[in-house]
Amino acid sequence: MPAFAAIAAIALLAATQDSTARIDSDLTPYWSGDEGWRVFAYPGEEMCDLGFPTAFDEYVTIGYKPRVGTSVMITNKHATSLRAGEVKSLVVVFGSEPERPFTIKHVMPFDVHEVDAQRVLSASPTYKDFLADFASSGFMAVLTPQGTVVSAIKLDGSSRAVEQLRTCAYEAAKLDPQDPFLAKP
């Protein structure tokens, strides 16, 4: 397992929608999946995140704060031209298989952070159906506007992982998942 995969990374959704990032080590996962998915709880922040190492020694984190929304954070050690504070418009795509055309495409702004010498790109918030797309697709890729891959992962087991993420986040926020006033992503 890559060294960075042992670190739980979190993209926080603040009430002001500002994105901040930090790296927490030594956290015990709320849940771990056979495919490598890990969910971490942050009850003080009323949220949880779902992390997964990529095949290219990078990391993808999906944060979920039920009262605010979903965030996505990715690392890319080759993105040396980026500087903290920049905002990059990236394309997030979902599909059934990497070799087939993608079925879902969203352009989102990603804030650039530098955390513990890691380049971190964070989109906060994402869009309403992000978790549903993540749970029901076979792969996700984040691309530059020109189509260059920034991050790509297979989503084997993502449905179960998102289910655990939602359960964890509702517990962390002390919310009843059956609350009729909560928007269900």
Protein backbone atom coordinates (compact mmCIF):
# COMPACT_ATOMS: atom_id res chain seq x y z
CA MET A 1 0.00 0.00 0.00
CA PRO A 2 1.43 3.44 -0.88
CA ALA A 3 2.75 5.54 1.98
CA PHE A 4 0.18 8.28 1.38
CA ALA A 5 -2.63 5.72 1.56
CA ALA A 6 -1.84 5.24 5.23
CA ILE A 7 -2.79 8.86 5.83
CA ALA A 8 -6.41 9.87 6.19
CA ALA A 9 -6.84 13.06 4.20
CA ILE A 10 -9.86 15.27 4.66
CA ALA A 11 -11.40 18.08 2.67
CA LEU A 12 -13.63 20.02 5.01
CA LEU A 13 -16.82 21.80 4.07
CA ALA A 14 -17.04 24.86 6.25
CA ALA A 15 -20.32 26.66 6.76
CA THR A 16 -19.00 29.45 4.51
CA GLN A 17 -18.27 26.87 1.77
CA ASP A 18 -14.54 27.69 2.01
CA SER A 19 -12.37 24.67 1.40
CA THR A 20 -9.52 23.85 3.72
CA ALA A 21 -7.41 20.74 3.84
CA ARG A 22 -5.42 18.89 6.45
CA ILE A 23 -3.82 15.52 6.74
CA ASP A 24 -4.59 13.38 9.78
CA SER A 25 -2.51 10.34 10.54
CA ASP A 26 -3.12 7.70 13.19
CA LEU A 27 -6.89 7.65 12.75
CA THR A 28 -8.78 4.41 13.15
CA PRO A 29 -11.21 3.87 10.28
CA TYR A 30 -14.93 3.83 11.01
CA TRP A 31 -15.16 1.19 8.25
CA SER A 32 -12.78 -0.52 5.80
CA GLY A 33 -13.79 -2.35 2.63
CA ASP A 34 -12.13 -5.29 0.93
CA GLU A 35 -11.37 -3.15 -2.13
CA GLY A 36 -9.31 -0.63 -0.11
CA TRP A 37 -12.03 1.90 0.73
CA ARG A 38 -11.80 3.47 4.18
CA VAL A 39 -14.29 5.72 5.95
CA PHE A 40 -13.12 8.06 8.73
CA ALA A 41 -15.38 9.87 11.20
CA TYR A 42 -14.96 13.50 12.31
CA PRO A 43 -17.79 13.98 14.85
CA GLY A 44 -16.49 17.40 15.95
CA GLU A 45 -16.95 18.59 12.38
CA GLU A 46 -20.23 16.65 11.85
CA MET A 47 -18.83 14.80 8.84
CA CYS A 48 -17.05 11.72 7.54
CA ASP A 49 -14.78 11.06 4.61
CA LEU A 50 -14.16 8.16 2.31
CA GLY A 51 -10.61 7.56 1.10
CA PHE A 52 -9.05 5.35 -1.55
CA PRO A 53 -5.49 5.00 -2.89
CA THR A 54 -5.20 5.12 -6.68
CA ALA A 55 -3.17 2.75 -8.84
CA PHE A 56 -0.72 5.63 -9.39
CA ASP A 57 0.28 6.11 -5.73
CA GLU A 58 -2.14 9.00 -5.27
CA TYR A 59 -5.20 9.39 -3.06
CA VAL A 60 -8.87 10.33 -3.56
CA THR A 61 -11.03 11.51 -0.66
CA ILE A 62 -14.77 12.14 -0.69
CA GLY A 63 -16.01 14.21 2.25
CA TYR A 64 -19.66 14.25 3.26
CA LYS A 65 -21.20 16.73 5.67
CA PRO A 66 -24.99 16.08 5.67
CA ARG A 67 -26.00 19.65 6.45
CA VAL A 68 -23.70 21.14 3.80
CA GLY A 69 -22.87 18.70 1.02
CA THR A 70 -20.10 16.68 -0.56
CA SER A 71 -16.49 17.51 -1.36
CA VAL A 72 -13.84 15.69 -3.37
CA MET A 73 -10.10 15.92 -2.86
CA ILE A 74 -7.35 14.39 -4.99
CA THR A 75 -3.57 14.38 -4.91
CA ASN A 76 -1.19 14.45 -7.85
CA LYS A 77 2.54 14.47 -7.15
CA HIS A 78 3.28 15.46 -10.76
CA ALA A 79 1.30 18.71 -10.56
CA THR A 80 4.43 20.71 -9.74
CA SER A 81 3.33 23.77 -11.75
CA LEU A 82 0.42 24.40 -9.38
CA ARG A 83 0.69 26.73 -6.40
CA ALA A 84 -1.39 26.89 -3.24
CA GLY A 85 -4.25 29.35 -3.59
CA GLU A 86 -4.80 28.77 -7.30
CA VAL A 87 -8.17 27.60 -8.59
CA LYS A 88 -8.26 25.17 -11.51
CA SER A 89 -11.32 24.25 -13.51
CA LEU A 90 -11.30 20.44 -13.88
CA VAL A 91 -13.67 17.97 -15.48
CA VAL A 92 -15.03 15.11 -13.35
CA VAL A 93 -16.32 12.17 -15.39
CA PHE A 94 -18.03 8.91 -14.46
CA GLY A 95 -18.65 5.86 -16.61
CA SER A 96 -19.09 2.11 -16.59
CA GLU A 97 -15.56 1.22 -17.78
CA PRO A 98 -12.43 3.30 -18.44
CA GLU A 99 -12.23 2.10 -22.07
CA ARG A 100 -15.81 3.15 -22.84
CA PRO A 101 -17.18 6.68 -23.20
CA PHE A 102 -18.10 8.37 -19.94
CA THR A 103 -21.76 8.87 -19.16
CA ILE A 104 -21.60 11.76 -16.66
CA LYS A 105 -19.50 14.92 -16.94
CA HIS A 106 -19.26 17.94 -14.62
CA VAL A 107 -16.87 20.89 -14.73
CA MET A 108 -15.93 22.01 -11.22
CA PRO A 109 -13.48 24.49 -9.69
CA PHE A 110 -10.73 22.84 -7.62
CA ASP A 111 -8.73 24.83 -5.04
CA VAL A 112 -5.03 24.01 -4.89
CA HIS A 113 -3.55 23.37 -1.44
CA GLU A 114 -0.13 22.27 -0.32
CA VAL A 115 -0.33 20.07 2.75
CA ASP A 116 2.72 18.29 4.15
CA ALA A 117 4.52 18.75 0.78
CA GLN A 118 1.58 17.12 -1.06
CA ARG A 119 -0.34 18.89 -3.85
CA VAL A 120 -4.00 18.61 -2.98
CA LEU A 121 -6.84 19.66 -5.29
CA SER A 122 -10.14 20.16 -3.51
CA ALA A 123 -13.64 20.82 -4.88
CA SER A 124 -16.09 21.94 -2.26
CA PRO A 125 -18.98 21.63 -2.72
CA THR A 126 -19.39 19.24 -5.63
CA TYR A 127 -22.91 18.84 -7.06
CA LYS A 128 -26.13 17.37 -5.64
CA ASP A 129 -25.93 13.89 -7.20
CA PHE A 130 -22.18 13.35 -6.79
CA LEU A 131 -22.48 10.53 -4.21
CA ALA A 132 -25.12 8.75 -6.30
CA ASP A 133 -22.88 8.96 -9.39
CA PHE A 134 -19.89 7.77 -7.37
CA ALA A 135 -21.83 4.80 -5.96
CA SER A 136 -23.34 3.68 -9.26
CA SER A 137 -20.42 4.06 -11.68
CA GLY A 138 -17.55 1.76 -12.61
CA PHE A 139 -14.87 4.45 -12.75
CA MET A 140 -14.25 8.13 -12.01
CA ALA A 141 -11.64 10.37 -13.60
CA VAL A 142 -10.65 13.96 -13.03
CA LEU A 143 -9.31 15.59 -16.19
CA THR A 144 -7.83 18.90 -17.27
CA PRO A 145 -10.02 20.84 -19.71
CA GLN A 146 -7.77 19.45 -22.48
CA GLY A 147 -8.54 15.85 -21.38
CA THR A 148 -5.29 14.98 -19.56
CA VAL A 149 -5.87 12.62 -16.62
CA VAL A 150 -5.21 14.19 -13.20
CA SER A 151 -6.67 11.29 -11.23
CA ALA A 152 -8.55 8.11 -12.10
CA ILE A 153 -9.95 5.27 -10.00
CA LYS A 154 -12.01 2.17 -10.48
CA LEU A 155 -15.07 2.27 -8.29
CA ASP A 156 -15.33 -1.43 -7.39
CA GLY A 157 -17.22 -1.58 -4.10
CA SER A 158 -18.07 2.12 -4.14
CA SER A 159 -21.77 1.49 -3.56
CA ARG A 160 -21.11 -0.16 -0.19
CA ALA A 161 -18.46 2.46 0.63
CA VAL A 162 -20.89 5.34 -0.01
CA GLU A 163 -23.51 3.60 2.11
CA GLN A 164 -21.00 3.45 4.97
CA LEU A 165 -19.98 7.08 4.36
CA ARG A 166 -23.60 8.25 4.64
CA THR A 167 -24.23 6.18 7.79
CA CYS A 168 -21.04 7.50 9.39
CA ALA A 169 -21.81 11.12 8.47
CA TYR A 170 -25.35 10.98 9.87
CA GLU A 171 -23.97 9.54 13.12
CA ALA A 172 -21.20 12.17 13.25
CA ALA A 173 -23.75 14.96 12.76
CA LYS A 174 -26.21 13.34 15.19
CA LEU A 175 -28.89 13.27 12.49
CA ASP A 176 -31.64 10.76 11.87
CA PRO A 177 -31.22 9.41 8.32
CA GLN A 178 -35.04 9.24 8.08
CA ASP A 179 -35.39 13.00 8.76
CA PRO A 180 -37.78 14.23 6.04
CA PHE A 181 -36.15 17.68 6.04
CA LEU A 182 -32.69 16.43 5.06
CA ALA A 183 -31.75 16.57 1.40
CA LYS A 184 -30.62 13.10 0.35
CA PRO A 185 -27.66 13.23 -2.05
